[in-house]
Amino acid sequence: MLAAQLSSYLAAAKITATEEQQQQLLAFVGLLQKWNKAYNLTSVRDPEQMLIRHIMDSLVVSPHLAGERFIDVGTGPGLPGIPLAILNPDKQFVLLDSLGKRIRFQKQVQIELKLSNITSVESRVEAYQPEHGFDGVLSRAFASVADMLQWCHHLPAASGKFYALKGQLDDHELADIPDNFNIEQKIELIVPQLSEQRHLLIITSCD
């Protein structure tokens, strides 16, 4: 049932995933559901809704990613980082979160799904100092874009970009973006079976 739904959603979104990748995505949903009972990782309880609101909501960003090294800040249980890592085995993802239970869950996912391209880090974003800058800084649940840029300004490489996943775009929020940043693209994302708005902002630094 879930496998057929995932397959149809991927087709609707024009996203290609191998049979193994689809099995990994379904296994991730299974682990989320299992751990959610004790760890309260997400407010979404229904696995069908997880497919839409967590898996597909993450994967629609994939075609827009440029580069090889990414960091997912405030990743929670690994969203969007883990679905993107499954779909992009050639890219590396650092999953950053300040809560230990979320990091423990991510590490269990890494073991069970045999993912070699994710690294989980327990840290507040402003305290995390990477050895090398990232091609992309992803955020899905930050309070505002201005906050994201302020707290994550030290994370991208010289040519790196910020990828902010948003719902409905707020003109006031966009107006608060500091002058030394530039919105390179505003992309409307279409998530199969989701009627709510989704947008991706790709932002670069002008410094």
N, C-alpha and C. Protein backbone atom coordinates (compact mmCIF):
# COMPACT_ATOMS: atom_id res chain seq x y z
N MET A 1 0.84 -1.21 0.00
CA MET A 1 0.00 0.00 0.00
C MET A 1 0.87 1.26 0.00
N LEU A 2 1.73 1.39 1.03
CA LEU A 2 2.61 2.56 1.11
C LEU A 2 3.58 2.60 -0.06
N ALA A 3 4.07 1.42 -0.44
CA ALA A 3 5.03 1.34 -1.55
C ALA A 3 4.41 1.85 -2.84
N ALA A 4 3.16 1.47 -3.09
CA ALA A 4 2.47 1.92 -4.30
C ALA A 4 2.23 3.43 -4.26
N GLN A 5 1.88 3.92 -3.08
CA GLN A 5 1.66 5.38 -2.94
C GLN A 5 2.95 6.14 -3.20
N LEU A 6 4.04 5.67 -2.59
CA LEU A 6 5.31 6.35 -2.79
C LEU A 6 5.67 6.37 -4.27
N SER A 7 5.51 5.25 -4.93
CA SER A 7 5.84 5.15 -6.35
C SER A 7 5.03 6.15 -7.18
N SER A 8 3.74 6.27 -6.86
CA SER A 8 2.89 7.20 -7.62
C SER A 8 3.24 8.65 -7.31
N TYR A 9 3.60 8.94 -6.05
CA TYR A 9 3.98 10.31 -5.69
C TYR A 9 5.28 10.72 -6.40
N LEU A 10 6.24 9.79 -6.43
CA LEU A 10 7.51 10.07 -7.11
C LEU A 10 7.27 10.35 -8.60
N ALA A 11 6.41 9.54 -9.21
CA ALA A 11 6.09 9.74 -10.63
C ALA A 11 5.42 11.09 -10.84
N ALA A 12 4.50 11.45 -9.94
CA ALA A 12 3.80 12.73 -10.07
C ALA A 12 4.76 13.91 -9.94
N ALA A 13 5.78 13.74 -9.09
CA ALA A 13 6.76 14.81 -8.87
C ALA A 13 7.92 14.75 -9.88
N LYS A 14 7.85 13.73 -10.78
CA LYS A 14 8.92 13.54 -11.78
C LYS A 14 10.29 13.33 -11.12
N ILE A 15 10.28 12.56 -10.04
CA ILE A 15 11.52 12.23 -9.32
C ILE A 15 11.83 10.76 -9.54
N THR A 16 13.05 10.48 -9.94
CA THR A 16 13.47 9.10 -10.19
C THR A 16 14.17 8.54 -8.96
N ALA A 17 13.71 7.39 -8.50
CA ALA A 17 14.35 6.70 -7.37
C ALA A 17 14.41 5.22 -7.70
N THR A 18 15.54 4.59 -7.40
CA THR A 18 15.68 3.16 -7.64
C THR A 18 14.80 2.38 -6.67
N GLU A 19 14.63 1.10 -6.95
CA GLU A 19 13.85 0.24 -6.06
C GLU A 19 14.46 0.25 -4.65
N GLU A 20 15.78 0.19 -4.58
CA GLU A 20 16.46 0.19 -3.27
C GLU A 20 16.21 1.52 -2.53
N GLN A 21 16.28 2.62 -3.25
CA GLN A 21 16.04 3.92 -2.62
C GLN A 21 14.61 4.02 -2.11
N GLN A 22 13.66 3.50 -2.88
CA GLN A 22 12.27 3.52 -2.43
C GLN A 22 12.09 2.68 -1.17
N GLN A 23 12.77 1.53 -1.13
CA GLN A 23 12.71 0.68 0.08
C GLN A 23 13.32 1.40 1.28
N GLN A 24 14.40 2.13 1.06
CA GLN A 24 15.03 2.90 2.15
C GLN A 24 14.11 4.01 2.65
N LEU A 25 13.44 4.68 1.74
CA LEU A 25 12.51 5.75 2.12
C LEU A 25 11.35 5.18 2.94
N LEU A 26 10.85 4.03 2.53
CA LEU A 26 9.76 3.39 3.28
C LEU A 26 10.25 2.91 4.65
N ALA A 27 11.48 2.40 4.70
CA ALA A 27 12.06 1.96 5.97
C ALA A 27 12.24 3.15 6.92
N PHE A 28 12.60 4.31 6.36
CA PHE A 28 12.73 5.52 7.17
C PHE A 28 11.39 5.91 7.79
N VAL A 29 10.33 5.83 7.01
CA VAL A 29 8.98 6.11 7.53
C VAL A 29 8.65 5.12 8.65
N GLY A 30 9.00 3.84 8.44
CA GLY A 30 8.74 2.83 9.47
C GLY A 30 9.47 3.13 10.77
N LEU A 31 10.73 3.56 10.66
CA LEU A 31 11.51 3.90 11.85
C LEU A 31 10.96 5.15 12.54
N LEU A 32 10.56 6.13 11.74
CA LEU A 32 9.95 7.34 12.30
C LEU A 32 8.72 6.98 13.11
N GLN A 33 7.89 6.13 12.54
CA GLN A 33 6.66 5.73 13.21
C GLN A 33 6.96 4.98 14.50
N LYS A 34 7.92 4.07 14.43
CA LYS A 34 8.28 3.25 15.60
C LYS A 34 8.86 4.11 16.74
N TRP A 35 9.82 4.97 16.40
CA TRP A 35 10.48 5.79 17.43
C TRP A 35 9.59 6.92 17.93
N ASN A 36 8.65 7.33 17.11
CA ASN A 36 7.79 8.45 17.47
C ASN A 36 7.00 8.17 18.75
N LYS A 37 6.68 6.91 18.97
CA LYS A 37 5.87 6.55 20.14
C LYS A 37 6.58 6.91 21.43
N ALA A 38 7.89 6.74 21.46
CA ALA A 38 8.65 7.01 22.68
C ALA A 38 9.34 8.38 22.65
N TYR A 39 9.74 8.83 21.47
CA TYR A 39 10.61 10.01 21.36
C TYR A 39 9.89 11.27 20.88
N ASN A 40 8.65 11.11 20.40
CA ASN A 40 7.88 12.25 19.94
C ASN A 40 8.68 13.11 18.95
N LEU A 41 9.12 12.48 17.87
CA LEU A 41 10.00 13.15 16.90
C LEU A 41 9.24 14.06 15.95
N THR A 42 7.98 13.74 15.69
CA THR A 42 7.19 14.53 14.75
C THR A 42 5.73 14.48 15.17
N SER A 43 5.01 15.56 14.87
CA SER A 43 3.58 15.61 15.20
C SER A 43 2.75 14.81 14.20
N VAL A 44 3.36 14.45 13.08
CA VAL A 44 2.65 13.63 12.07
C VAL A 44 2.71 12.17 12.51
N ARG A 45 1.56 11.57 12.71
CA ARG A 45 1.50 10.20 13.25
C ARG A 45 1.22 9.17 12.16
N ASP A 46 0.47 9.55 11.16
CA ASP A 46 0.01 8.61 10.15
C ASP A 46 1.08 8.38 9.08
N PRO A 47 1.46 7.12 8.80
CA PRO A 47 2.53 6.86 7.84
C PRO A 47 2.22 7.40 6.44
N GLU A 48 0.95 7.38 6.04
CA GLU A 48 0.60 7.94 4.73
C GLU A 48 0.89 9.44 4.69
N GLN A 49 0.58 10.12 5.78
CA GLN A 49 0.86 11.55 5.85
C GLN A 49 2.36 11.82 5.94
N MET A 50 3.09 10.91 6.60
CA MET A 50 4.56 11.04 6.66
C MET A 50 5.15 11.00 5.25
N LEU A 51 4.59 10.11 4.41
CA LEU A 51 5.07 10.02 3.02
C LEU A 51 4.95 11.37 2.31
N ILE A 52 3.82 12.03 2.54
CA ILE A 52 3.57 13.31 1.86
C ILE A 52 4.32 14.44 2.54
N ARG A 53 4.12 14.56 3.86
CA ARG A 53 4.59 15.74 4.60
C ARG A 53 6.07 15.70 4.96
N HIS A 54 6.65 14.51 4.98
CA HIS A 54 8.07 14.40 5.33
C HIS A 54 8.92 13.95 4.14
N ILE A 55 8.51 12.86 3.50
CA ILE A 55 9.34 12.31 2.42
C ILE A 55 9.24 13.17 1.16
N MET A 56 8.05 13.30 0.61
CA MET A 56 7.91 14.06 -0.63
C MET A 56 8.22 15.55 -0.42
N ASP A 57 7.84 16.06 0.73
CA ASP A 57 8.10 17.47 1.06
C ASP A 57 9.61 17.76 1.05
N SER A 58 10.40 16.74 1.39
CA SER A 58 11.87 16.87 1.36
C SER A 58 12.41 16.66 -0.06
N LEU A 59 11.91 15.62 -0.73
CA LEU A 59 12.49 15.21 -2.01
C LEU A 59 12.29 16.23 -3.13
N VAL A 60 11.22 17.02 -3.07
CA VAL A 60 10.99 17.99 -4.16
C VAL A 60 12.08 19.06 -4.22
N VAL A 61 12.89 19.15 -3.17
CA VAL A 61 14.01 20.10 -3.17
C VAL A 61 15.19 19.57 -3.99
N SER A 62 15.26 18.25 -4.13
CA SER A 62 16.44 17.59 -4.70
C SER A 62 16.90 18.14 -6.05
N PRO A 63 16.01 18.38 -7.01
CA PRO A 63 16.47 18.85 -8.32
C PRO A 63 17.17 20.21 -8.28
N HIS A 64 16.99 20.94 -7.19
CA HIS A 64 17.52 22.32 -7.11
C HIS A 64 18.86 22.40 -6.38
N LEU A 65 19.35 21.26 -5.86
CA LEU A 65 20.60 21.27 -5.10
C LEU A 65 21.81 21.31 -6.02
N ALA A 66 22.69 22.26 -5.76
CA ALA A 66 23.93 22.36 -6.55
C ALA A 66 25.12 22.14 -5.62
N GLY A 67 25.99 21.19 -5.98
CA GLY A 67 27.17 20.92 -5.15
C GLY A 67 27.16 19.51 -4.59
N GLU A 68 28.10 19.28 -3.67
CA GLU A 68 28.29 17.92 -3.13
C GLU A 68 28.19 17.86 -1.61
N ARG A 69 28.43 18.97 -0.91
CA ARG A 69 28.44 18.95 0.56
C ARG A 69 27.35 19.87 1.10
N PHE A 70 26.49 19.29 1.92
CA PHE A 70 25.36 20.05 2.43
C PHE A 70 25.25 19.88 3.95
N ILE A 71 24.68 20.90 4.59
CA ILE A 71 24.36 20.78 6.01
C ILE A 71 22.89 21.11 6.19
N ASP A 72 22.20 20.27 6.95
CA ASP A 72 20.79 20.45 7.25
C ASP A 72 20.69 20.92 8.70
N VAL A 73 20.39 22.21 8.88
CA VAL A 73 20.42 22.79 10.23
C VAL A 73 19.04 22.68 10.88
N GLY A 74 19.04 22.35 12.18
CA GLY A 74 17.77 22.14 12.87
C GLY A 74 16.99 21.00 12.22
N THR A 75 17.71 19.94 11.91
CA THR A 75 17.17 18.86 11.08
C THR A 75 16.09 18.02 11.77
N GLY A 76 15.99 18.12 13.12
CA GLY A 76 15.00 17.29 13.83
C GLY A 76 15.33 15.82 13.64
N PRO A 77 14.37 15.03 13.17
CA PRO A 77 14.65 13.59 12.97
C PRO A 77 15.43 13.31 11.69
N GLY A 78 15.83 14.37 10.97
CA GLY A 78 16.60 14.18 9.74
C GLY A 78 15.86 14.63 8.50
N LEU A 79 15.13 15.73 8.64
CA LEU A 79 14.32 16.25 7.54
C LEU A 79 14.74 17.67 7.18
N PRO A 80 15.06 17.92 5.92
CA PRO A 80 14.94 17.06 4.75
C PRO A 80 16.17 16.19 4.47
N GLY A 81 17.20 16.23 5.37
CA GLY A 81 18.50 15.65 5.05
C GLY A 81 18.51 14.17 4.72
N ILE A 82 17.80 13.34 5.51
CA ILE A 82 17.87 11.89 5.27
C ILE A 82 17.20 11.50 3.95
N PRO A 83 15.96 11.94 3.66
CA PRO A 83 15.41 11.60 2.34
C PRO A 83 16.29 12.09 1.19
N LEU A 84 16.87 13.29 1.32
CA LEU A 84 17.75 13.80 0.27
C LEU A 84 19.03 12.97 0.15
N ALA A 85 19.55 12.51 1.27
CA ALA A 85 20.75 11.67 1.25
C ALA A 85 20.46 10.33 0.58
N ILE A 86 19.28 9.78 0.84
CA ILE A 86 18.89 8.51 0.20
C ILE A 86 18.83 8.69 -1.32
N LEU A 87 18.26 9.79 -1.74
CA LEU A 87 18.07 10.03 -3.18
C LEU A 87 19.36 10.46 -3.88
N ASN A 88 20.32 10.99 -3.10
CA ASN A 88 21.56 11.52 -3.68
C ASN A 88 22.78 10.88 -3.02
N PRO A 89 23.06 9.62 -3.30
CA PRO A 89 24.19 8.95 -2.64
C PRO A 89 25.54 9.56 -2.98
N ASP A 90 25.59 10.39 -4.03
CA ASP A 90 26.84 11.04 -4.42
C ASP A 90 27.09 12.32 -3.64
N LYS A 91 26.12 12.75 -2.82
CA LYS A 91 26.28 13.98 -2.03
C LYS A 91 26.42 13.62 -0.56
N GLN A 92 27.13 14.48 0.20
CA GLN A 92 27.33 14.29 1.64
C GLN A 92 26.44 15.26 2.42
N PHE A 93 25.83 14.76 3.50
CA PHE A 93 24.93 15.59 4.30
C PHE A 93 25.33 15.53 5.78
N VAL A 94 25.56 16.70 6.37
CA VAL A 94 25.72 16.81 7.81
C VAL A 94 24.35 17.18 8.39
N LEU A 95 23.89 16.42 9.38
CA LEU A 95 22.59 16.66 10.02
C LEU A 95 22.84 17.26 11.39
N LEU A 96 22.45 18.51 11.56
CA LEU A 96 22.78 19.25 12.78
C LEU A 96 21.53 19.47 13.62
N ASP A 97 21.58 19.06 14.87
CA ASP A 97 20.46 19.31 15.78
C ASP A 97 21.01 19.37 17.21
N SER A 98 20.33 20.12 18.06
CA SER A 98 20.83 20.31 19.43
C SER A 98 20.24 19.30 20.41
N LEU A 99 19.29 18.47 19.97
CA LEU A 99 18.66 17.52 20.89
C LEU A 99 19.21 16.11 20.70
N GLY A 100 19.71 15.54 21.77
CA GLY A 100 20.36 14.23 21.73
C GLY A 100 19.46 13.12 21.23
N LYS A 101 18.16 13.15 21.60
CA LYS A 101 17.28 12.04 21.18
C LYS A 101 17.11 12.02 19.66
N ARG A 102 17.14 13.19 19.04
CA ARG A 102 17.01 13.24 17.57
C ARG A 102 18.28 12.69 16.91
N ILE A 103 19.44 13.02 17.51
CA ILE A 103 20.70 12.51 16.97
C ILE A 103 20.77 11.00 17.11
N ARG A 104 20.30 10.48 18.25
CA ARG A 104 20.29 9.01 18.46
C ARG A 104 19.42 8.34 17.40
N PHE A 105 18.28 8.93 17.12
CA PHE A 105 17.40 8.38 16.09
C PHE A 105 18.09 8.38 14.72
N GLN A 106 18.71 9.50 14.37
CA GLN A 106 19.40 9.60 13.08
C GLN A 106 20.48 8.52 12.94
N LYS A 107 21.21 8.31 14.02
CA LYS A 107 22.30 7.31 13.98
C LYS A 107 21.74 5.90 13.81
N GLN A 108 20.59 5.65 14.40
CA GLN A 108 19.95 4.35 14.22
C GLN A 108 19.50 4.17 12.77
N VAL A 109 18.95 5.25 12.20
CA VAL A 109 18.56 5.22 10.79
C VAL A 109 19.77 4.94 9.91
N GLN A 110 20.87 5.61 10.21
CA GLN A 110 22.10 5.43 9.42
C GLN A 110 22.55 3.96 9.43
N ILE A 111 22.49 3.33 10.61
CA ILE A 111 22.90 1.93 10.74
C ILE A 111 21.93 1.01 9.98
N GLU A 112 20.64 1.20 10.22
CA GLU A 112 19.66 0.27 9.65
C GLU A 112 19.53 0.42 8.14
N LEU A 113 19.67 1.65 7.63
CA LEU A 113 19.52 1.86 6.18
C LEU A 113 20.86 1.83 5.45
N LYS A 114 21.95 1.63 6.24
CA LYS A 114 23.30 1.55 5.65
C LYS A 114 23.63 2.79 4.81
N LEU A 115 23.42 3.96 5.43
CA LEU A 115 23.70 5.23 4.73
C LEU A 115 25.12 5.69 5.06
N SER A 116 25.95 5.79 4.05
CA SER A 116 27.34 6.20 4.28
C SER A 116 27.57 7.69 4.03
N ASN A 117 26.51 8.40 3.62
CA ASN A 117 26.69 9.81 3.23
C ASN A 117 25.99 10.78 4.17
N ILE A 118 25.70 10.35 5.42
CA ILE A 118 25.19 11.30 6.41
C ILE A 118 26.08 11.26 7.66
N THR A 119 26.22 12.42 8.29
CA THR A 119 26.95 12.56 9.55
C THR A 119 26.08 13.37 10.50
N SER A 120 25.76 12.80 11.65
CA SER A 120 24.91 13.48 12.62
C SER A 120 25.76 14.22 13.65
N VAL A 121 25.42 15.48 13.91
CA VAL A 121 26.18 16.30 14.84
C VAL A 121 25.21 16.94 15.84
N GLU A 122 25.49 16.72 17.14
CA GLU A 122 24.68 17.34 18.18
C GLU A 122 25.32 18.67 18.58
N SER A 123 24.69 19.75 18.18
CA SER A 123 25.25 21.09 18.47
C SER A 123 24.22 22.15 18.15
N ARG A 124 24.34 23.27 18.82
CA ARG A 124 23.59 24.46 18.39
C ARG A 124 24.29 25.01 17.15
N VAL A 125 23.52 25.54 16.25
CA VAL A 125 24.09 25.93 14.95
C VAL A 125 25.16 27.01 15.09
N GLU A 126 24.94 27.97 16.01
CA GLU A 126 25.91 29.06 16.13
C GLU A 126 27.23 28.60 16.76
N ALA A 127 27.19 27.44 17.43
CA ALA A 127 28.40 26.92 18.08
C ALA A 127 29.17 25.97 17.17
N TYR A 128 28.57 25.55 16.08
CA TYR A 128 29.19 24.54 15.21
C TYR A 128 30.16 25.22 14.24
N GLN A 129 31.40 24.80 14.29
CA GLN A 129 32.43 25.37 13.41
C GLN A 129 32.99 24.28 12.50
N PRO A 130 32.51 24.21 11.27
CA PRO A 130 32.99 23.16 10.36
C PRO A 130 34.40 23.44 9.87
N GLU A 131 35.10 22.37 9.55
CA GLU A 131 36.46 22.51 9.03
C GLU A 131 36.44 23.14 7.64
N HIS A 132 35.43 22.78 6.86
CA HIS A 132 35.29 23.33 5.51
C HIS A 132 33.86 23.84 5.33
N GLY A 133 33.72 24.89 4.52
CA GLY A 133 32.39 25.42 4.24
C GLY A 133 31.58 24.47 3.36
N PHE A 134 30.28 24.67 3.34
CA PHE A 134 29.37 23.77 2.62
C PHE A 134 28.90 24.40 1.31
N ASP A 135 28.59 23.54 0.35
CA ASP A 135 28.01 24.02 -0.91
C ASP A 135 26.59 24.51 -0.69
N GLY A 136 25.90 23.92 0.29
CA GLY A 136 24.53 24.32 0.55
C GLY A 136 24.17 24.19 2.01
N VAL A 137 23.43 25.17 2.53
CA VAL A 137 22.92 25.15 3.90
C VAL A 137 21.40 25.05 3.81
N LEU A 138 20.86 23.92 4.27
CA LEU A 138 19.43 23.65 4.18
C LEU A 138 18.75 23.94 5.51
N SER A 139 17.55 24.53 5.45
CA SER A 139 16.76 24.63 6.67
C SER A 139 15.29 24.51 6.32
N ARG A 140 14.60 23.74 7.15
CA ARG A 140 13.19 23.48 6.86
C ARG A 140 12.28 24.08 7.92
N ALA A 141 12.78 24.29 9.10
CA ALA A 141 11.87 24.67 10.19
C ALA A 141 12.35 25.88 10.98
N PHE A 142 13.21 26.68 10.38
CA PHE A 142 13.70 27.86 11.11
C PHE A 142 12.59 28.90 11.26
N ALA A 143 12.66 29.69 12.33
CA ALA A 143 11.62 30.68 12.61
C ALA A 143 11.48 31.67 11.47
N SER A 144 12.58 32.23 11.02
CA SER A 144 12.52 33.19 9.93
C SER A 144 13.79 33.08 9.09
N VAL A 145 13.70 33.57 7.86
CA VAL A 145 14.86 33.52 6.97
C VAL A 145 15.98 34.39 7.52
N ALA A 146 15.63 35.55 8.06
CA ALA A 146 16.65 36.46 8.62
C ALA A 146 17.41 35.78 9.76
N ASP A 147 16.69 35.05 10.62
CA ASP A 147 17.35 34.31 11.72
C ASP A 147 18.27 33.24 11.16
N MET A 148 17.78 32.52 10.16
CA MET A 148 18.60 31.48 9.55
C MET A 148 19.92 32.06 9.04
N LEU A 149 19.83 33.16 8.33
CA LEU A 149 21.04 33.76 7.75
C LEU A 149 21.99 34.28 8.83
N GLN A 150 21.41 34.82 9.89
CA GLN A 150 22.24 35.33 10.99
C GLN A 150 22.99 34.21 11.70
N TRP A 151 22.28 33.11 11.97
CA TRP A 151 22.87 32.02 12.75
C TRP A 151 23.75 31.10 11.90
N CYS A 152 23.52 31.10 10.59
CA CYS A 152 24.22 30.14 9.71
C CYS A 152 25.19 30.80 8.75
N HIS A 153 25.45 32.10 8.95
CA HIS A 153 26.26 32.84 7.97
C HIS A 153 27.66 32.27 7.82
N HIS A 154 28.16 31.56 8.86
CA HIS A 154 29.53 31.04 8.84
C HIS A 154 29.64 29.66 8.19
N LEU A 155 28.52 29.09 7.74
CA LEU A 155 28.53 27.70 7.29
C LEU A 155 28.82 27.48 5.80
N PRO A 156 28.37 28.36 4.89
CA PRO A 156 28.64 28.07 3.48
C PRO A 156 30.07 28.36 3.05
N ALA A 157 30.51 27.63 2.02
CA ALA A 157 31.77 27.96 1.37
C ALA A 157 31.58 29.27 0.59
N ALA A 158 32.66 29.77 0.01
CA ALA A 158 32.61 31.06 -0.68
C ALA A 158 31.49 31.11 -1.73
N SER A 159 31.31 30.01 -2.44
CA SER A 159 30.27 29.99 -3.48
C SER A 159 29.01 29.24 -3.01
N GLY A 160 28.94 28.96 -1.71
CA GLY A 160 27.81 28.20 -1.17
C GLY A 160 26.52 28.99 -1.15
N LYS A 161 25.41 28.25 -1.03
CA LYS A 161 24.09 28.88 -1.05
C LYS A 161 23.27 28.42 0.14
N PHE A 162 22.28 29.24 0.48
CA PHE A 162 21.31 28.88 1.50
C PHE A 162 20.04 28.40 0.81
N TYR A 163 19.49 27.30 1.30
CA TYR A 163 18.24 26.75 0.77
C TYR A 163 17.22 26.77 1.90
N ALA A 164 16.30 27.73 1.86
CA ALA A 164 15.29 27.85 2.91
C ALA A 164 13.97 27.29 2.41
N LEU A 165 13.50 26.24 3.09
CA LEU A 165 12.21 25.63 2.74
C LEU A 165 11.12 26.32 3.54
N LYS A 166 10.19 26.91 2.83
CA LYS A 166 9.13 27.68 3.48
C LYS A 166 7.76 27.21 3.00
N GLY A 167 6.75 27.59 3.77
CA GLY A 167 5.38 27.36 3.32
C GLY A 167 4.96 28.55 2.46
N GLN A 168 3.98 29.27 2.93
CA GLN A 168 3.56 30.48 2.22
C GLN A 168 4.60 31.57 2.45
N LEU A 169 4.92 32.30 1.40
CA LEU A 169 5.93 33.36 1.54
C LEU A 169 5.30 34.60 2.18
N ASP A 170 6.04 35.18 3.10
CA ASP A 170 5.58 36.35 3.84
C ASP A 170 6.41 37.56 3.40
N ASP A 171 5.75 38.56 2.84
CA ASP A 171 6.47 39.74 2.33
C ASP A 171 7.28 40.44 3.41
N HIS A 172 6.72 40.49 4.64
CA HIS A 172 7.44 41.15 5.74
C HIS A 172 8.71 40.38 6.09
N GLU A 173 8.58 39.05 6.09
CA GLU A 173 9.75 38.21 6.40
C GLU A 173 10.83 38.40 5.34
N LEU A 174 10.44 38.46 4.08
CA LEU A 174 11.42 38.64 3.00
C LEU A 174 12.05 40.03 3.06
N ALA A 175 11.27 41.01 3.49
CA ALA A 175 11.79 42.38 3.58
C ALA A 175 12.83 42.51 4.68
N ASP A 176 12.80 41.58 5.66
CA ASP A 176 13.74 41.62 6.78
C ASP A 176 15.09 40.99 6.46
N ILE A 177 15.21 40.38 5.28
CA ILE A 177 16.48 39.76 4.91
C ILE A 177 17.55 40.85 4.78
N PRO A 178 18.69 40.70 5.45
CA PRO A 178 19.73 41.74 5.44
C PRO A 178 20.21 42.06 4.02
N ASP A 179 20.67 43.31 3.84
CA ASP A 179 21.07 43.79 2.52
C ASP A 179 22.25 43.02 1.93
N ASN A 180 23.05 42.38 2.78
CA ASN A 180 24.23 41.68 2.25
C ASN A 180 23.91 40.26 1.79
N PHE A 181 22.60 39.96 1.66
CA PHE A 181 22.17 38.68 1.09
C PHE A 181 21.24 38.94 -0.09
N ASN A 182 21.27 38.03 -1.02
CA ASN A 182 20.48 38.20 -2.24
C ASN A 182 19.64 36.94 -2.49
N ILE A 183 18.32 37.14 -2.69
CA ILE A 183 17.47 36.00 -3.06
C ILE A 183 17.69 35.71 -4.54
N GLU A 184 18.37 34.61 -4.79
CA GLU A 184 18.71 34.25 -6.17
C GLU A 184 17.51 33.67 -6.90
N GLN A 185 16.75 32.84 -6.18
CA GLN A 185 15.56 32.23 -6.78
C GLN A 185 14.46 32.04 -5.75
N LYS A 186 13.22 32.24 -6.18
CA LYS A 186 12.04 31.85 -5.41
C LYS A 186 11.34 30.79 -6.23
N ILE A 187 11.28 29.58 -5.68
CA ILE A 187 10.74 28.46 -6.45
C ILE A 187 9.50 27.92 -5.74
N GLU A 188 8.41 27.82 -6.48
CA GLU A 188 7.21 27.20 -5.92
C GLU A 188 7.36 25.68 -6.07
N LEU A 189 7.28 24.97 -4.96
CA LEU A 189 7.42 23.52 -4.96
C LEU A 189 6.03 22.87 -4.97
N ILE A 190 5.87 21.87 -5.79
CA ILE A 190 4.60 21.15 -5.84
C ILE A 190 4.80 19.78 -5.19
N VAL A 191 4.14 19.60 -4.05
CA VAL A 191 4.22 18.32 -3.33
C VAL A 191 2.94 17.54 -3.62
N PRO A 192 3.06 16.36 -4.23
CA PRO A 192 1.86 15.56 -4.53
C PRO A 192 0.98 15.35 -3.29
N GLN A 193 -0.32 15.54 -3.47
CA GLN A 193 -1.32 15.31 -2.42
C GLN A 193 -1.28 16.35 -1.29
N LEU A 194 -0.51 17.42 -1.48
CA LEU A 194 -0.45 18.46 -0.45
C LEU A 194 -1.03 19.75 -1.03
N SER A 195 -2.08 20.24 -0.40
CA SER A 195 -2.74 21.44 -0.93
C SER A 195 -2.10 22.73 -0.42
N GLU A 196 -1.32 22.62 0.66
CA GLU A 196 -0.68 23.82 1.22
C GLU A 196 0.47 24.29 0.32
N GLN A 197 0.77 25.58 0.42
CA GLN A 197 1.87 26.13 -0.39
C GLN A 197 3.22 25.68 0.16
N ARG A 198 4.16 25.48 -0.75
CA ARG A 198 5.54 25.19 -0.41
C ARG A 198 6.46 25.99 -1.34
N HIS A 199 7.47 26.60 -0.77
CA HIS A 199 8.42 27.38 -1.56
C HIS A 199 9.85 27.06 -1.13
N LEU A 200 10.74 27.25 -2.07
CA LEU A 200 12.17 27.14 -1.79
C LEU A 200 12.81 28.49 -2.15
N LEU A 201 13.51 29.06 -1.18
CA LEU A 201 14.28 30.28 -1.43
C LEU A 201 15.76 29.89 -1.53
N ILE A 202 16.38 30.25 -2.63
CA ILE A 202 17.83 30.03 -2.77
C ILE A 202 18.50 31.39 -2.62
N ILE A 203 19.33 31.50 -1.58
CA ILE A 203 19.90 32.79 -1.18
C ILE A 203 21.42 32.72 -1.20
N THR A 204 22.03 33.78 -1.68
CA THR A 204 23.50 33.86 -1.68
C THR A 204 23.94 35.10 -0.90
N SER A 205 25.17 35.05 -0.43
CA SER A 205 25.75 36.18 0.27
C SER A 205 26.40 37.13 -0.72
N CYS A 206 26.23 38.43 -0.49
CA CYS A 206 26.85 39.42 -1.39
C CYS A 206 28.23 39.83 -0.90
N ASP A 207 28.64 39.32 0.28
CA ASP A 207 29.94 39.74 0.85
C ASP A 207 31.10 39.29 0.01
